[in-house]
Structures are given as C-alpha cells and as structure tokens.
C-alpha cells in the first residue's frame, strides 16, 4: 500500500497511513490531523471535525468543473495547499 494520507491522533500522537483520503477520514476521530502527502485524485469529503493539511509544496491539479473539497462538518481546518486549474 502506498502511504498517500496519514492521520495523527490528537490524544496519543500516533500516526497511521492510508492509501486514500476516504480511508483516512473513516478512521479519524474529532480533533485528529489528516495530512495529504500526495494527490490521490479524490474529492475530499470532510464530514468530521478534523484538521486537514497538505505537505509543503504539494500542488493539487483539477479541471475547472471538478469539485475538490466538500465540507459538511463544523469547525474544520484546511491549510497549506495550492490548487491549480488545468
């Protein structure tokens, strides 16, 4: 499995790696930090109160008509990414 996304537990500091954002968000708890290490090509559906960050310098490329981030949870934090229109 390629480690594209990680989840760091807010309470223990433990970090687990997943191949997709969907897997990572399913295993995240409130307050955890999800780090995107590589663009998986997915839409990011954020349905939990988590912090989402991207490794420095990561560029996300999407076509104009593509959705990228959908947030349905309160008090989320999303930081450190560059989105480029292809």
PDB file of N, CA and C in Angstrom:
ATOM      1  N   UNK A   1       0.849  -1.185   0.000  1.00  0.00           N
ATOM      2  CA  UNK A   1       0.000   0.000   0.000  1.00  0.00           C
ATOM      3  C   UNK A   1       0.887   1.238   0.000  1.00  0.00           C
ATOM      4  N   UNK A   2       0.543   2.169  -0.828  1.00  0.00           N
ATOM      5  CA  UNK A   2       1.268   3.432  -0.888  1.00  0.00           C
ATOM      6  C   UNK A   2       0.707   4.376   0.173  1.00  0.00           C
ATOM      7  N   UNK A   3       1.570   5.002   0.942  1.00  0.00           N
ATOM      8  CA  UNK A   3       1.125   5.906   2.008  1.00  0.00           C
ATOM      9  C   UNK A   3       0.919   7.301   1.441  1.00  0.00           C
ATOM     10  N   UNK A   4      -0.306   7.592   1.053  1.00  0.00           N
ATOM     11  CA  UNK A   4      -0.639   8.882   0.454  1.00  0.00           C
ATOM     12  C   UNK A   4      -1.205   9.865   1.481  1.00  0.00           C
ATOM     13  N   UNK A   5      -1.841   9.329   2.533  1.00  0.00           N
ATOM     14  CA  UNK A   5      -2.560  10.150   3.506  1.00  0.00           C
ATOM     15  C   UNK A   5      -2.289   9.581   4.903  1.00  0.00           C
ATOM     16  N   UNK A   6      -2.096  10.450   5.883  1.00  0.00           N
ATOM     17  CA  UNK A   6      -1.901   9.960   7.253  1.00  0.00           C
ATOM     18  C   UNK A   6      -2.864  10.653   8.203  1.00  0.00           C
ATOM     19  N   UNK A   7      -3.141   9.973   9.317  1.00  0.00           N
ATOM     20  CA  UNK A   7      -3.980  10.524  10.382  1.00  0.00           C
ATOM     21  C   UNK A   7      -3.175  10.497  11.666  1.00  0.00           C
ATOM     22  N   UNK A   8      -3.029  11.673  12.302  1.00  0.00           N
ATOM     23  CA  UNK A   8      -2.339  11.758  13.595  1.00  0.00           C
ATOM     24  C   UNK A   8      -3.393  11.943  14.679  1.00  0.00           C
ATOM     25  N   UNK A   9      -3.405  11.006  15.625  1.00  0.00           N
ATOM     26  CA  UNK A   9      -4.364  11.031  16.715  1.00  0.00           C
ATOM     27  C   UNK A   9      -4.080  12.208  17.637  1.00  0.00           C
ATOM     28  N   UNK A  10      -5.108  12.983  17.914  1.00  0.00           N
ATOM     29  CA  UNK A  10      -4.967  14.190  18.744  1.00  0.00           C
ATOM     30  C   UNK A  10      -4.492  13.857  20.157  1.00  0.00           C
ATOM     31  N   UNK A  11      -4.964  12.761  20.713  1.00  0.00           N
ATOM     32  CA  UNK A  11      -4.648  12.439  22.103  1.00  0.00           C
ATOM     33  C   UNK A  11      -3.320  11.704  22.272  1.00  0.00           C
ATOM     34  N   UNK A  12      -3.025  10.746  21.395  1.00  0.00           N
ATOM     35  CA  UNK A  12      -1.829   9.912  21.576  1.00  0.00           C
ATOM     36  C   UNK A  12      -0.645  10.344  20.723  1.00  0.00           C
ATOM     37  N   UNK A  13      -0.915  11.089  19.640  1.00  0.00           N
ATOM     38  CA  UNK A  13       0.154  11.476  18.729  1.00  0.00           C
ATOM     39  C   UNK A  13       0.519  10.383  17.731  1.00  0.00           C
ATOM     40  N   UNK A  14      -0.109   9.207  17.858  1.00  0.00           N
ATOM     41  CA  UNK A  14       0.157   8.107  16.928  1.00  0.00           C
ATOM     42  C   UNK A  14      -0.280   8.497  15.526  1.00  0.00           C
ATOM     43  N   UNK A  15       0.479   8.027  14.521  1.00  0.00           N
ATOM     44  CA  UNK A  15       0.175   8.336  13.129  1.00  0.00           C
ATOM     45  C   UNK A  15      -0.013   7.032  12.356  1.00  0.00           C
ATOM     46  N   UNK A  16      -1.114   6.951  11.603  1.00  0.00           N
ATOM     47  CA  UNK A  16      -1.391   5.785  10.760  1.00  0.00           C
ATOM     48  C   UNK A  16      -1.510   6.260   9.320  1.00  0.00           C
ATOM     49  N   UNK A  17      -1.117   5.403   8.395  1.00  0.00           N
ATOM     50  CA  UNK A  17      -1.086   5.768   6.984  1.00  0.00           C
ATOM     51  C   UNK A  17      -2.134   5.000   6.192  1.00  0.00           C
ATOM     52  N   UNK A  18      -2.702   5.688   5.191  1.00  0.00           N
ATOM     53  CA  UNK A  18      -3.758   5.123   4.343  1.00  0.00           C
ATOM     54  C   UNK A  18      -3.467   5.476   2.888  1.00  0.00           C
ATOM     55  N   UNK A  19      -4.042   4.710   1.979  1.00  0.00           N
ATOM     56  CA  UNK A  19      -3.818   4.968   0.558  1.00  0.00           C
ATOM     57  C   UNK A  19      -4.794   5.990  -0.011  1.00  0.00           C
ATOM     58  N   UNK A  20      -5.914   6.239   0.693  1.00  0.00           N
ATOM     59  CA  UNK A  20      -6.896   7.210   0.200  1.00  0.00           C
ATOM     60  C   UNK A  20      -7.375   8.119   1.327  1.00  0.00           C
ATOM     61  N   UNK A  21      -7.877   9.288   0.933  1.00  0.00           N
ATOM     62  CA  UNK A  21      -8.469  10.201   1.912  1.00  0.00           C
ATOM     63  C   UNK A  21      -9.717   9.572   2.509  1.00  0.00           C
ATOM     64  N   UNK A  22     -10.491   8.871   1.696  1.00  0.00           N
ATOM     65  CA  UNK A  22     -11.723   8.232   2.169  1.00  0.00           C
ATOM     66  C   UNK A  22     -11.435   7.284   3.338  1.00  0.00           C
ATOM     67  N   UNK A  23     -10.371   6.497   3.228  1.00  0.00           N
ATOM     68  CA  UNK A  23      -9.975   5.599   4.319  1.00  0.00           C
ATOM     69  C   UNK A  23      -9.537   6.398   5.545  1.00  0.00           C
ATOM     70  N   UNK A  24      -8.778   7.451   5.300  1.00  0.00           N
ATOM     71  CA  UNK A  24      -8.256   8.262   6.405  1.00  0.00           C
ATOM     72  C   UNK A  24      -9.390   8.923   7.184  1.00  0.00           C
ATOM     73  N   UNK A  25     -10.342   9.538   6.490  1.00  0.00           N
ATOM     74  CA  UNK A  25     -11.435  10.229   7.185  1.00  0.00           C
ATOM     75  C   UNK A  25     -12.326   9.222   7.921  1.00  0.00           C
ATOM     76  N   UNK A  26     -12.475   8.034   7.367  1.00  0.00           N
ATOM     77  CA  UNK A  26     -13.283   6.999   8.027  1.00  0.00           C
ATOM     78  C   UNK A  26     -12.657   6.576   9.356  1.00  0.00           C
ATOM     79  N   UNK A  27     -11.333   6.634   9.446  1.00  0.00           N
ATOM     80  CA  UNK A  27     -10.629   6.209  10.655  1.00  0.00           C
ATOM     81  C   UNK A  27     -10.236   7.354  11.579  1.00  0.00           C
ATOM     82  N   UNK A  28     -10.500   8.577  11.197  1.00  0.00           N
ATOM     83  CA  UNK A  28     -10.149   9.749  12.013  1.00  0.00           C
ATOM     84  C   UNK A  28     -11.201   9.997  13.093  1.00  0.00           C
ATOM     85  N   UNK A  29     -10.729  10.594  14.184  1.00  0.00           N
ATOM     86  CA  UNK A  29     -11.603  10.994  15.284  1.00  0.00           C
ATOM     87  C   UNK A  29     -11.624  12.519  15.369  1.00  0.00           C
ATOM     88  N   UNK A  30     -12.605  13.065  16.048  1.00  0.00           N
ATOM     89  CA  UNK A  30     -12.700  14.507  16.241  1.00  0.00           C
ATOM     90  C   UNK A  30     -11.378  15.065  16.767  1.00  0.00           C
ATOM     91  N   UNK A  31     -10.871  16.110  16.087  1.00  0.00           N
ATOM     92  CA  UNK A  31      -9.645  16.776  16.512  1.00  0.00           C
ATOM     93  C   UNK A  31      -8.375  16.208  15.906  1.00  0.00           C
ATOM     94  N   UNK A  32      -8.451  15.055  15.226  1.00  0.00           N
ATOM     95  CA  UNK A  32      -7.257  14.474  14.592  1.00  0.00           C
ATOM     96  C   UNK A  32      -6.799  15.343  13.430  1.00  0.00           C
ATOM     97  N   UNK A  33      -5.546  15.155  13.032  1.00  0.00           N
ATOM     98  CA  UNK A  33      -4.993  15.863  11.889  1.00  0.00           C
ATOM     99  C   UNK A  33      -4.756  14.874  10.754  1.00  0.00           C
ATOM    100  N   UNK A  34      -5.341  15.176   9.600  1.00  0.00           N
ATOM    101  CA  UNK A  34      -5.148  14.374   8.396  1.00  0.00           C
ATOM    102  C   UNK A  34      -4.173  15.131   7.507  1.00  0.00           C
ATOM    103  N   UNK A  35      -3.094  14.470   7.126  1.00  0.00           N
ATOM    104  CA  UNK A  35      -2.093  15.093   6.258  1.00  0.00           C
ATOM    105  C   UNK A  35      -2.109  14.401   4.910  1.00  0.00           C
ATOM    106  N   UNK A  36      -2.260  15.203   3.850  1.00  0.00           N
ATOM    107  CA  UNK A  36      -2.229  14.694   2.487  1.00  0.00           C
ATOM    108  C   UNK A  36      -0.778  14.765   2.024  1.00  0.00           C
ATOM    109  N   UNK A  37      -0.185  13.611   1.715  1.00  0.00           N
ATOM    110  CA  UNK A  37       1.216  13.543   1.295  1.00  0.00           C
ATOM    111  C   UNK A  37       1.352  13.573  -0.226  1.00  0.00           C
ATOM    112  N   UNK A  38       0.305  13.119  -0.918  1.00  0.00           N
ATOM    113  CA  UNK A  38       0.325  13.049  -2.375  1.00  0.00           C
ATOM    114  C   UNK A  38      -1.114  13.172  -2.868  1.00  0.00           C
ATOM    115  N   UNK A  39      -1.297  13.823  -4.015  1.00  0.00           N
ATOM    116  CA  UNK A  39      -2.642  13.967  -4.576  1.00  0.00           C
ATOM    117  C   UNK A  39      -3.161  12.598  -4.993  1.00  0.00           C
ATOM    118  N   UNK A  40      -4.253  12.157  -4.377  1.00  0.00           N
ATOM    119  CA  UNK A  40      -4.845  10.857  -4.707  1.00  0.00           C
ATOM    120  C   UNK A  40      -5.890  10.980  -5.817  1.00  0.00           C
ATOM    121  N   UNK A  41      -6.177  12.212  -6.243  1.00  0.00           N
ATOM    122  CA  UNK A  41      -7.168  12.427  -7.291  1.00  0.00           C
ATOM    123  C   UNK A  41      -8.600  12.423  -6.787  1.00  0.00           C
ATOM    124  N   UNK A  42      -8.781  12.296  -5.494  1.00  0.00           N
ATOM    125  CA  UNK A  42     -10.118  12.211  -4.912  1.00  0.00           C
ATOM    126  C   UNK A  42     -10.721  13.578  -4.622  1.00  0.00           C
ATOM    127  N   UNK A  43     -12.058  13.602  -4.550  1.00  0.00           N
ATOM    128  CA  UNK A  43     -12.728  14.724  -3.900  1.00  0.00           C
ATOM    129  C   UNK A  43     -12.556  14.482  -2.408  1.00  0.00           C
ATOM    130  N   UNK A  44     -12.334  15.534  -1.658  1.00  0.00           N
ATOM    131  CA  UNK A  44     -12.177  15.398  -0.209  1.00  0.00           C
ATOM    132  C   UNK A  44     -13.500  15.725   0.462  1.00  0.00           C
ATOM    133  N   UNK A  45     -14.194  14.708   0.927  1.00  0.00           N
ATOM    134  CA  UNK A  45     -15.456  14.886   1.647  1.00  0.00           C
ATOM    135  C   UNK A  45     -15.119  14.910   3.131  1.00  0.00           C
ATOM    136  N   UNK A  46     -15.200  16.094   3.733  1.00  0.00           N
ATOM    137  CA  UNK A  46     -14.836  16.253   5.151  1.00  0.00           C
ATOM    138  C   UNK A  46     -16.121  16.296   5.959  1.00  0.00           C
ATOM    139  N   UNK A  47     -16.404  15.175   6.644  1.00  0.00           N
ATOM    140  CA  UNK A  47     -17.653  15.053   7.388  1.00  0.00           C
ATOM    141  C   UNK A  47     -17.418  14.891   8.892  1.00  0.00           C
ATOM    142  N   UNK A  48     -16.214  15.203   9.328  1.00  0.00           N
ATOM    143  CA  UNK A  48     -15.864  15.153  10.751  1.00  0.00           C
ATOM    144  C   UNK A  48     -15.079  16.409  11.106  1.00  0.00           C
ATOM    145  N   UNK A  49     -15.103  16.778  12.376  1.00  0.00           N
ATOM    146  CA  UNK A  49     -14.349  17.935  12.844  1.00  0.00           C
ATOM    147  C   UNK A  49     -12.883  17.530  12.981  1.00  0.00           C
ATOM    148  N   UNK A  50     -12.133  17.764  11.897  1.00  0.00           N
ATOM    149  CA  UNK A  50     -10.714  17.395  11.836  1.00  0.00           C
ATOM    150  C   UNK A  50      -9.923  18.548  11.239  1.00  0.00           C
ATOM    151  N   UNK A  51      -8.617  18.438  11.337  1.00  0.00           N
ATOM    152  CA  UNK A  51      -7.706  19.385  10.688  1.00  0.00           C
ATOM    153  C   UNK A  51      -7.134  18.683   9.463  1.00  0.00           C
ATOM    154  N   UNK A  52      -7.228  19.309   8.308  1.00  0.00           N
ATOM    155  CA  UNK A  52      -6.673  18.740   7.082  1.00  0.00           C
ATOM    156  C   UNK A  52      -5.549  19.648   6.612  1.00  0.00           C
ATOM    157  N   UNK A  53      -4.388  19.068   6.404  1.00  0.00           N
ATOM    158  CA  UNK A  53      -3.248  19.830   5.941  1.00  0.00           C
ATOM    159  C   UNK A  53      -2.556  19.059   4.816  1.00  0.00           C
ATOM    160  N   UNK A  54      -1.755  19.750   4.070  1.00  0.00           N
ATOM    161  CA  UNK A  54      -1.047  19.170   2.936  1.00  0.00           C
ATOM    162  C   UNK A  54       0.446  19.382   3.154  1.00  0.00           C
ATOM    163  N   UNK A  55       1.262  18.438   2.677  1.00  0.00           N
ATOM    164  CA  UNK A  55       2.705  18.617   2.832  1.00  0.00           C
ATOM    165  C   UNK A  55       3.117  19.871   2.062  1.00  0.00           C
ATOM    166  N   UNK A  56       4.113  20.597   2.555  1.00  0.00           N
ATOM    167  CA  UNK A  56       4.546  21.823   1.883  1.00  0.00           C
ATOM    168  C   UNK A  56       4.923  21.569   0.421  1.00  0.00           C
ATOM    169  N   UNK A  57       4.462  22.447  -0.445  1.00  0.00           N
ATOM    170  CA  UNK A  57       4.802  22.376  -1.859  1.00  0.00           C
ATOM    171  C   UNK A  57       3.889  21.495  -2.695  1.00  0.00           C
ATOM    172  N   UNK A  58       2.962  20.773  -2.056  1.00  0.00           N
ATOM    173  CA  UNK A  58       2.055  19.907  -2.820  1.00  0.00           C
ATOM    174  C   UNK A  58       1.099  20.762  -3.638  1.00  0.00           C
ATOM    175  N   UNK A  59       1.017  20.474  -4.923  1.00  0.00           N
ATOM    176  CA  UNK A  59       0.111  21.197  -5.826  1.00  0.00           C
ATOM    177  C   UNK A  59      -0.982  20.233  -6.262  1.00  0.00           C
ATOM    178  N   UNK A  60      -2.213  20.636  -6.098  1.00  0.00           N
ATOM    179  CA  UNK A  60      -3.371  19.843  -6.494  1.00  0.00           C
ATOM    180  C   UNK A  60      -3.868  20.380  -7.826  1.00  0.00           C
ATOM    181  N   UNK A  61      -3.957  19.532  -8.832  1.00  0.00           N
ATOM    182  CA  UNK A  61      -4.418  19.954 -10.159  1.00  0.00           C
ATOM    183  C   UNK A  61      -5.796  19.351 -10.425  1.00  0.00           C
ATOM    184  N   UNK A  62      -6.723  20.227 -10.787  1.00  0.00           N
ATOM    185  CA  UNK A  62      -8.075  19.792 -11.118  1.00  0.00           C
ATOM    186  C   UNK A  62      -8.573  20.597 -12.308  1.00  0.00           C
ATOM    187  N   UNK A  63      -9.509  20.009 -13.031  1.00  0.00           N
ATOM    188  CA  UNK A  63     -10.163  20.738 -14.109  1.00  0.00           C
ATOM    189  C   UNK A  63     -11.175  21.694 -13.493  1.00  0.00           C
ATOM    190  N   UNK A  64     -11.469  22.744 -14.204  1.00  0.00           N
ATOM    191  CA  UNK A  64     -12.337  23.812 -13.715  1.00  0.00           C
ATOM    192  C   UNK A  64     -13.659  23.288 -13.145  1.00  0.00           C
ATOM    193  N   UNK A  65     -14.236  22.301 -13.820  1.00  0.00           N
ATOM    194  CA  UNK A  65     -15.557  21.815 -13.409  1.00  0.00           C
ATOM    195  C   UNK A  65     -15.512  20.768 -12.297  1.00  0.00           C
ATOM    196  N   UNK A  66     -14.335  20.366 -11.847  1.00  0.00           N
ATOM    197  CA  UNK A  66     -14.222  19.355 -10.808  1.00  0.00           C
ATOM    198  C   UNK A  66     -14.318  19.965  -9.413  1.00  0.00           C
ATOM    199  N   UNK A  67     -15.115  19.325  -8.565  1.00  0.00           N
ATOM    200  CA  UNK A  67     -15.159  19.703  -7.155  1.00  0.00           C
ATOM    201  C   UNK A  67     -13.906  19.138  -6.504  1.00  0.00           C
ATOM    202  N   UNK A  68     -13.392  19.804  -5.502  1.00  0.00           N
ATOM    203  CA  UNK A  68     -12.195  19.310  -4.831  1.00  0.00           C
ATOM    204  C   UNK A  68     -12.455  19.039  -3.351  1.00  0.00           C
ATOM    205  N   UNK A  69     -13.038  20.008  -2.652  1.00  0.00           N
ATOM    206  CA  UNK A  69     -13.290  19.854  -1.218  1.00  0.00           C
ATOM    207  C   UNK A  69     -14.767  20.107  -0.929  1.00  0.00           C
ATOM    208  N   UNK A  70     -15.373  19.165  -0.218  1.00  0.00           N
ATOM    209  CA  UNK A  70     -16.755  19.299   0.222  1.00  0.00           C
ATOM    210  C   UNK A  70     -16.744  19.145   1.739  1.00  0.00           C
ATOM    211  N   UNK A  71     -17.178  20.181   2.448  1.00  0.00           N
ATOM    212  CA  UNK A  71     -17.166  20.170   3.912  1.00  0.00           C
ATOM    213  C   UNK A  71     -18.595  20.146   4.427  1.00  0.00           C
ATOM    214  N   UNK A  72     -18.905  19.133   5.242  1.00  0.00           N
ATOM    215  CA  UNK A  72     -20.233  19.035   5.843  1.00  0.00           C
ATOM    216  C   UNK A  72     -20.162  18.978   7.375  1.00  0.00           C
ATOM    217  N   UNK A  73     -18.992  19.229   7.937  1.00  0.00           N
ATOM    218  CA  UNK A  73     -18.802  19.224   9.392  1.00  0.00           C
ATOM    219  C   UNK A  73     -18.450  20.636   9.857  1.00  0.00           C
ATOM    220  N   UNK A  74     -18.765  20.909  11.110  1.00  0.00           N
ATOM    221  CA  UNK A  74     -18.439  22.207  11.702  1.00  0.00           C
ATOM    222  C   UNK A  74     -16.989  22.223  12.189  1.00  0.00           C
ATOM    223  N   UNK A  75     -16.419  23.422  12.243  1.00  0.00           N
ATOM    224  CA  UNK A  75     -15.131  23.696  12.861  1.00  0.00           C
ATOM    225  C   UNK A  75     -13.975  22.858  12.313  1.00  0.00           C
ATOM    226  N   UNK A  76     -13.914  22.734  10.994  1.00  0.00           N
ATOM    227  CA  UNK A  76     -12.787  22.054  10.335  1.00  0.00           C
ATOM    228  C   UNK A  76     -11.718  23.087  10.004  1.00  0.00           C
ATOM    229  N   UNK A  77     -10.507  22.613   9.900  1.00  0.00           N
ATOM    230  CA  UNK A  77      -9.396  23.457   9.489  1.00  0.00           C
ATOM    231  C   UNK A  77      -8.773  22.821   8.253  1.00  0.00           C
ATOM    232  N   UNK A  78      -8.573  23.620   7.200  1.00  0.00           N
ATOM    233  CA  UNK A  78      -7.937  23.145   5.975  1.00  0.00           C
ATOM    234  C   UNK A  78      -6.812  24.124   5.664  1.00  0.00           C
ATOM    235  N   UNK A  79      -5.577  23.591   5.497  1.00  0.00           N
ATOM    236  CA  UNK A  79      -4.467  24.508   5.307  1.00  0.00           C
ATOM    237  C   UNK A  79      -3.375  23.929   4.418  1.00  0.00           C
ATOM    238  N   UNK A  80      -2.546  24.840   3.921  1.00  0.00           N
ATOM    239  CA  UNK A  80      -1.281  24.538   3.233  1.00  0.00           C
ATOM    240  C   UNK A  80      -1.419  23.796   1.904  1.00  0.00           C
ATOM    241  N   UNK A  81      -2.276  24.284   1.015  1.00  0.00           N
ATOM    242  CA  UNK A  81      -2.321  23.647  -0.294  1.00  0.00           C
ATOM    243  C   UNK A  81      -2.427  24.682  -1.393  1.00  0.00           C
ATOM    244  N   UNK A  82      -2.011  24.279  -2.586  1.00  0.00           N
ATOM    245  CA  UNK A  82      -2.128  25.102  -3.779  1.00  0.00           C
ATOM    246  C   UNK A  82      -2.986  24.345  -4.762  1.00  0.00           C
ATOM    247  N   UNK A  83      -4.045  24.990  -5.250  1.00  0.00           N
ATOM    248  CA  UNK A  83      -4.958  24.385  -6.213  1.00  0.00           C
ATOM    249  C   UNK A  83      -4.753  25.061  -7.555  1.00  0.00           C
ATOM    250  N   UNK A  84      -4.488  24.245  -8.604  1.00  0.00           N
ATOM    251  CA  UNK A  84      -4.215  24.769  -9.942  1.00  0.00           C
ATOM    252  C   UNK A  84      -5.273  24.259 -10.889  1.00  0.00           C
ATOM    253  N   UNK A  85      -5.818  25.172 -11.696  1.00  0.00           N
ATOM    254  CA  UNK A  85      -6.803  24.812 -12.708  1.00  0.00           C
ATOM    255  C   UNK A  85      -6.083  24.303 -13.942  1.00  0.00           C
ATOM    256  N   UNK A  86      -6.392  23.090 -14.371  1.00  0.00           N
ATOM    257  CA  UNK A  86      -5.766  22.520 -15.570  1.00  0.00           C
ATOM    258  C   UNK A  86      -6.480  22.981 -16.822  1.00  0.00           C
TER     259      UNK A  86
END
